[in-house]
Amino acid sequence: MTLFSVVWLAAALVISSLAGEQTTTTASNAWEPLKFFVGKWEGTGKGKPGTSRIEREYQFVLNNKYLNVQSRSVYDPQPNNPKGEIHEEWGMISFDKSRKQFVFRQFHVEGFVNQYVTTSISTDGKTIVFTSEGIENIPAGWRARETYKIISPDEFIETFELAGPGKDFEIYSEGRLTRRK
């Protein structure tokens, strides 16, 4: 190997190493707006299905590449739903490096699968909005939106909105969650 080849190979390895570190740092920093949610939460909700008690957990999984969300809401009986209801959902949030956005895939016990993308994060990081880019197992044209507003170091409000084909978003439910200690 000539001296030029050795220098070229060393330079390529250094550049490759720096690029890898930059990508890792960028991907790691990307999670900063969502780190607040990691932990166990409980709260209450209200909306079209009635009033509910909510339990939720957010945790990083698979070598901290994804944020896993597991949620359970128990709705009290009401005139429109005399038996009440238990709503469970699992979610996985990833960071799409090419779009530089979070993608939130949410799987509901009823069979719906929502795929959201972040449409805004406030400059103070306290309001995060996910808007659906696709919903499985529902008639075409429906849209969904989830808005998370951090109101204290241990509390946030989640607003879930739906929009029928050609209609504006309407609040379906809203939950207020507090970090369990």
C-alpha atoms as a PDB file:
ATOM      1  CA  MET A   1       0.000   0.000   0.000  1.00  0.00           C
ATOM      2  CA  THR A   2       1.373   3.418  -0.917  1.00  0.00           C
ATOM      3  CA  LEU A   3       1.594   6.313   1.499  1.00  0.00           C
ATOM      4  CA  PHE A   4      -1.174   8.087  -0.462  1.00  0.00           C
ATOM      5  CA  SER A   5      -3.487   5.041  -0.055  1.00  0.00           C
ATOM      6  CA  VAL A   6      -2.837   4.881   3.692  1.00  0.00           C
ATOM      7  CA  VAL A   7      -3.545   8.623   4.119  1.00  0.00           C
ATOM      8  CA  TRP A   8      -6.686   8.332   1.934  1.00  0.00           C
ATOM      9  CA  LEU A   9      -7.971   5.332   3.941  1.00  0.00           C
ATOM     10  CA  ALA A  10      -7.289   7.068   7.272  1.00  0.00           C
ATOM     11  CA  ALA A  11      -9.079  10.232   6.114  1.00  0.00           C
ATOM     12  CA  ALA A  12     -12.062   8.196   4.906  1.00  0.00           C
ATOM     13  CA  LEU A  13     -12.285   6.384   8.249  1.00  0.00           C
ATOM     14  CA  VAL A  14     -12.132   9.657  10.221  1.00  0.00           C
ATOM     15  CA  ILE A  15     -14.805  11.283   8.030  1.00  0.00           C
ATOM     16  CA  SER A  16     -16.992   8.183   8.274  1.00  0.00           C
ATOM     17  CA  SER A  17     -16.563   8.096  12.049  1.00  0.00           C
ATOM     18  CA  LEU A  18     -17.452  11.782  12.406  1.00  0.00           C
ATOM     19  CA  ALA A  19     -20.515  11.367  10.204  1.00  0.00           C
ATOM     20  CA  GLY A  20     -21.642   8.429  12.316  1.00  0.00           C
ATOM     21  CA  GLU A  21     -21.211  10.412  15.529  1.00  0.00           C
ATOM     22  CA  GLN A  22     -23.115  13.353  14.088  1.00  0.00           C
ATOM     23  CA  THR A  23     -26.026  11.119  13.013  1.00  0.00           C
ATOM     24  CA  THR A  24     -26.147   9.460  16.426  1.00  0.00           C
ATOM     25  CA  THR A  25     -26.055  12.800  18.223  1.00  0.00           C
ATOM     26  CA  THR A  26     -28.725  14.244  15.931  1.00  0.00           C
ATOM     27  CA  ALA A  27     -31.001  11.213  16.382  1.00  0.00           C
ATOM     28  CA  SER A  28     -30.449  11.285  20.150  1.00  0.00           C
ATOM     29  CA  ASN A  29     -31.199  15.012  20.366  1.00  0.00           C
ATOM     30  CA  ALA A  30     -34.299  14.526  18.251  1.00  0.00           C
ATOM     31  CA  TRP A  31     -35.957  12.734  21.173  1.00  0.00           C
ATOM     32  CA  GLU A  32     -35.615  15.716  23.507  1.00  0.00           C
ATOM     33  CA  PRO A  33     -39.248  16.941  23.037  1.00  0.00           C
ATOM     34  CA  LEU A  34     -40.635  13.510  24.007  1.00  0.00           C
ATOM     35  CA  LYS A  35     -38.361  12.591  26.933  1.00  0.00           C
ATOM     36  CA  PHE A  36     -40.765  14.382  29.274  1.00  0.00           C
ATOM     37  CA  PHE A  37     -43.361  11.619  28.771  1.00  0.00           C
ATOM     38  CA  VAL A  38     -41.164   8.689  29.815  1.00  0.00           C
ATOM     39  CA  GLY A  39     -42.679   7.080  32.891  1.00  0.00           C
ATOM     40  CA  LYS A  40     -46.011   5.960  34.314  1.00  0.00           C
ATOM     41  CA  TRP A  41     -49.047   8.211  34.271  1.00  0.00           C
ATOM     42  CA  GLU A  42     -52.622   8.182  35.543  1.00  0.00           C
ATOM     43  CA  GLY A  43     -55.511  10.541  35.142  1.00  0.00           C
ATOM     44  CA  THR A  44     -59.055  11.166  34.090  1.00  0.00           C
ATOM     45  CA  GLY A  45     -60.701  11.797  30.777  1.00  0.00           C
ATOM     46  CA  LYS A  46     -63.955  13.060  29.382  1.00  0.00           C
ATOM     47  CA  GLY A  47     -65.532  13.167  25.976  1.00  0.00           C
ATOM     48  CA  LYS A  48     -67.990  11.471  23.665  1.00  0.00           C
ATOM     49  CA  PRO A  49     -67.490   8.021  25.217  1.00  0.00           C
ATOM     50  CA  GLY A  50     -68.091   9.488  28.715  1.00  0.00           C
ATOM     51  CA  THR A  51     -65.754   9.918  31.680  1.00  0.00           C
ATOM     52  CA  SER A  52     -62.750   7.663  32.162  1.00  0.00           C
ATOM     53  CA  ARG A  53     -59.851   6.665  34.349  1.00  0.00           C
ATOM     54  CA  ILE A  54     -56.602   6.501  32.406  1.00  0.00           C
ATOM     55  CA  GLU A  55     -53.377   4.552  32.974  1.00  0.00           C
ATOM     56  CA  ARG A  56     -50.476   5.046  30.585  1.00  0.00           C
ATOM     57  CA  GLU A  57     -46.789   4.228  30.309  1.00  0.00           C
ATOM     58  CA  TYR A  58     -44.125   5.585  27.967  1.00  0.00           C
ATOM     59  CA  GLN A  59     -40.775   3.813  27.722  1.00  0.00           C
ATOM     60  CA  PHE A  60     -37.881   3.734  25.285  1.00  0.00           C
ATOM     61  CA  VAL A  61     -37.372   0.291  23.745  1.00  0.00           C
ATOM     62  CA  LEU A  62     -35.133  -1.500  21.244  1.00  0.00           C
ATOM     63  CA  ASN A  63     -31.896   0.236  22.159  1.00  0.00           C
ATOM     64  CA  ASN A  64     -33.688   3.580  22.684  1.00  0.00           C
ATOM     65  CA  LYS A  65     -34.676   3.778  19.017  1.00  0.00           C
ATOM     66  CA  TYR A  66     -38.450   3.857  19.692  1.00  0.00           C
ATOM     67  CA  LEU A  67     -40.799   5.225  22.301  1.00  0.00           C
ATOM     68  CA  ASN A  68     -43.395   2.621  23.271  1.00  0.00           C
ATOM     69  CA  VAL A  69     -46.776   3.812  24.571  1.00  0.00           C
ATOM     70  CA  GLN A  70     -49.319   1.601  26.354  1.00  0.00           C
ATOM     71  CA  SER A  71     -52.598   3.066  27.480  1.00  0.00           C
ATOM     72  CA  ARG A  72     -55.802   1.869  29.098  1.00  0.00           C
ATOM     73  CA  SER A  73     -58.942   3.935  29.668  1.00  0.00           C
ATOM     74  CA  VAL A  74     -61.920   2.624  31.620  1.00  0.00           C
ATOM     75  CA  TYR A  75     -65.128   4.481  30.754  1.00  0.00           C
ATOM     76  CA  ASP A  76     -67.940   4.564  33.268  1.00  0.00           C
ATOM     77  CA  PRO A  77     -71.435   3.447  32.208  1.00  0.00           C
ATOM     78  CA  GLN A  78     -73.601   6.226  30.784  1.00  0.00           C
ATOM     79  CA  PRO A  79     -76.993   6.421  29.042  1.00  0.00           C
ATOM     80  CA  ASN A  80     -75.412   6.125  25.554  1.00  0.00           C
ATOM     81  CA  ASN A  81     -73.161   3.276  26.714  1.00  0.00           C
ATOM     82  CA  PRO A  82     -74.853   1.500  29.667  1.00  0.00           C
ATOM     83  CA  LYS A  83     -72.144  -1.173  29.997  1.00  0.00           C
ATOM     84  CA  GLY A  84     -69.251   1.251  29.961  1.00  0.00           C
ATOM     85  CA  GLU A  85     -66.144   0.492  27.966  1.00  0.00           C
ATOM     86  CA  ILE A  86     -62.498  -0.442  28.283  1.00  0.00           C
ATOM     87  CA  HIS A  87     -60.305   1.128  25.638  1.00  0.00           C
ATOM     88  CA  GLU A  88     -56.743  -0.141  25.200  1.00  0.00           C
ATOM     89  CA  GLU A  89     -54.132   1.049  22.765  1.00  0.00           C
ATOM     90  CA  TRP A  90     -50.491   0.416  22.053  1.00  0.00           C
ATOM     91  CA  GLY A  91     -48.284   2.811  20.208  1.00  0.00           C
ATOM     92  CA  MET A  92     -44.801   3.116  18.866  1.00  0.00           C
ATOM     93  CA  ILE A  93     -43.133   6.419  18.084  1.00  0.00           C
ATOM     94  CA  SER A  94     -40.131   6.496  15.791  1.00  0.00           C
ATOM     95  CA  PHE A  95     -38.009   9.331  14.447  1.00  0.00           C
ATOM     96  CA  ASP A  96     -37.940   9.422  10.651  1.00  0.00           C
ATOM     97  CA  LYS A  97     -34.509  10.886   9.889  1.00  0.00           C
ATOM     98  CA  SER A  98     -35.319  11.639   6.243  1.00  0.00           C
ATOM     99  CA  ARG A  99     -38.438  13.668   7.131  1.00  0.00           C
ATOM    100  CA  LYS A 100     -36.986  14.918  10.442  1.00  0.00           C
ATOM    101  CA  GLN A 101     -40.319  14.169  12.089  1.00  0.00           C
ATOM    102  CA  PHE A 102     -41.739  11.762  14.613  1.00  0.00           C
ATOM    103  CA  VAL A 103     -44.055   9.078  13.292  1.00  0.00           C
ATOM    104  CA  PHE A 104     -46.565   7.694  15.776  1.00  0.00           C
ATOM    105  CA  ARG A 105     -48.253   4.384  14.971  1.00  0.00           C
ATOM    106  CA  GLN A 106     -51.157   3.701  17.297  1.00  0.00           C
ATOM    107  CA  PHE A 107     -52.989   0.357  17.509  1.00  0.00           C
ATOM    108  CA  HIS A 108     -56.473   0.385  19.070  1.00  0.00           C
ATOM    109  CA  VAL A 109     -58.364  -2.546  20.603  1.00  0.00           C
ATOM    110  CA  GLU A 110     -61.243  -1.777  18.220  1.00  0.00           C
ATOM    111  CA  GLY A 111     -58.990  -2.568  15.243  1.00  0.00           C
ATOM    112  CA  PHE A 112     -58.122   0.967  14.135  1.00  0.00           C
ATOM    113  CA  VAL A 113     -54.509   1.746  13.319  1.00  0.00           C
ATOM    114  CA  ASN A 114     -53.624   5.429  13.188  1.00  0.00           C
ATOM    115  CA  GLN A 115     -50.385   6.662  11.698  1.00  0.00           C
ATOM    116  CA  TYR A 116     -49.581  10.185  12.785  1.00  0.00           C
ATOM    117  CA  VAL A 117     -46.745  12.546  11.991  1.00  0.00           C
ATOM    118  CA  THR A 118     -45.682  15.559  14.044  1.00  0.00           C
ATOM    119  CA  THR A 119     -47.177  18.676  12.511  1.00  0.00           C
ATOM    120  CA  SER A 120     -45.916  21.092  15.142  1.00  0.00           C
ATOM    121  CA  ILE A 121     -43.835  21.382  18.270  1.00  0.00           C
ATOM    122  CA  SER A 122     -44.053  24.766  19.994  1.00  0.00           C
ATOM    123  CA  THR A 123     -40.840  26.718  20.447  1.00  0.00           C
ATOM    124  CA  ASP A 124     -40.988  26.130  24.207  1.00  0.00           C
ATOM    125  CA  GLY A 125     -41.529  22.382  23.594  1.00  0.00           C
ATOM    126  CA  LYS A 126     -44.703  22.336  25.691  1.00  0.00           C
ATOM    127  CA  THR A 127     -47.220  21.676  22.904  1.00  0.00           C
ATOM    128  CA  ILE A 128     -46.775  18.780  20.485  1.00  0.00           C
ATOM    129  CA  VAL A 129     -49.272  18.048  17.724  1.00  0.00           C
ATOM    130  CA  PHE A 130     -49.538  14.774  15.796  1.00  0.00           C
ATOM    131  CA  THR A 131     -51.880  14.681  12.764  1.00  0.00           C
ATOM    132  CA  SER A 132     -52.873  11.459  11.043  1.00  0.00           C
ATOM    133  CA  GLU A 133     -51.524  10.660   7.625  1.00  0.00           C
ATOM    134  CA  GLY A 134     -53.492   7.417   7.451  1.00  0.00           C
ATOM    135  CA  ILE A 135     -56.056   5.431   9.411  1.00  0.00           C
ATOM    136  CA  GLU A 136     -56.718   1.737   8.817  1.00  0.00           C
ATOM    137  CA  ASN A 137     -60.119   0.057   9.198  1.00  0.00           C
ATOM    138  CA  ILE A 138     -62.248   3.210   8.987  1.00  0.00           C
ATOM    139  CA  PRO A 139     -64.047   4.704   5.970  1.00  0.00           C
ATOM    140  CA  ALA A 140     -61.892   6.829   3.672  1.00  0.00           C
ATOM    141  CA  GLY A 141     -61.489  10.513   4.420  1.00  0.00           C
ATOM    142  CA  TRP A 142     -61.401  10.380   8.214  1.00  0.00           C
ATOM    143  CA  ARG A 143     -58.588  12.228  10.000  1.00  0.00           C
ATOM    144  CA  ALA A 144     -57.358  12.286  13.591  1.00  0.00           C
ATOM    145  CA  ARG A 145     -55.214  14.631  15.626  1.00  0.00           C
ATOM    146  CA  GLU A 146     -53.536  14.260  19.031  1.00  0.00           C
ATOM    147  CA  THR A 147     -52.324  17.342  20.895  1.00  0.00           C
ATOM    148  CA  TYR A 148     -50.180  17.096  24.033  1.00  0.00           C
ATOM    149  CA  LYS A 149     -49.862  20.190  26.250  1.00  0.00           C
ATOM    150  CA  ILE A 150     -47.366  20.033  29.091  1.00  0.00           C
ATOM    151  CA  ILE A 151     -48.761  22.090  31.959  1.00  0.00           C
ATOM    152  CA  SER A 152     -46.263  21.296  34.726  1.00  0.00           C
ATOM    153  CA  PRO A 153     -43.220  19.046  35.267  1.00  0.00           C
ATOM    154  CA  ASP A 154     -45.563  16.186  36.213  1.00  0.00           C
ATOM    155  CA  GLU A 155     -48.771  16.882  34.298  1.00  0.00           C
ATOM    156  CA  PHE A 156     -50.048  17.111  30.728  1.00  0.00           C
ATOM    157  CA  ILE A 157     -53.324  17.314  28.821  1.00  0.00           C
ATOM    158  CA  GLU A 158     -53.977  15.149  25.783  1.00  0.00           C
ATOM    159  CA  THR A 159     -56.676  16.194  23.332  1.00  0.00           C
ATOM    160  CA  PHE A 160     -57.881  13.664  20.738  1.00  0.00           C
ATOM    161  CA  GLU A 161     -59.810  15.094  17.791  1.00  0.00           C
ATOM    162  CA  LEU A 162     -61.552  13.469  14.843  1.00  0.00           C
ATOM    163  CA  ALA A 163     -62.714  14.887  11.506  1.00  0.00           C
ATOM    164  CA  GLY A 164     -65.126  13.124   9.187  1.00  0.00           C
ATOM    165  CA  PRO A 165     -64.660  13.367   5.411  1.00  0.00           C
ATOM    166  CA  GLY A 166     -64.666  17.034   4.404  1.00  0.00           C
ATOM    167  CA  LYS A 167     -65.264  18.233   7.975  1.00  0.00           C
ATOM    168  CA  ASP A 168     -63.252  20.158  10.552  1.00  0.00           C
ATOM    169  CA  PHE A 169     -61.691  18.538  13.604  1.00  0.00           C
ATOM    170  CA  GLU A 170     -63.928  18.130  16.662  1.00  0.00           C
ATOM    171  CA  ILE A 171     -62.800  17.138  20.142  1.00  0.00           C
ATOM    172  CA  TYR A 172     -63.617  13.482  20.778  1.00  0.00           C
ATOM    173  CA  SER A 173     -61.945  13.188  24.163  1.00  0.00           C
ATOM    174  CA  GLU A 174     -59.574  14.977  26.475  1.00  0.00           C
ATOM    175  CA  GLY A 175     -57.457  13.508  29.249  1.00  0.00           C
ATOM    176  CA  ARG A 176     -55.476  15.077  32.059  1.00  0.00           C
ATOM    177  CA  LEU A 177     -52.601  12.879  33.202  1.00  0.00           C
ATOM    178  CA  THR A 178     -50.282  13.144  36.219  1.00  0.00           C
ATOM    179  CA  ARG A 179     -46.979  11.372  36.661  1.00  0.00           C
ATOM    180  CA  ARG A 180     -47.131   8.519  39.183  1.00  0.00           C
ATOM    181  CA  LYS A 181     -44.435   8.734  41.800  1.00  0.00           C
END
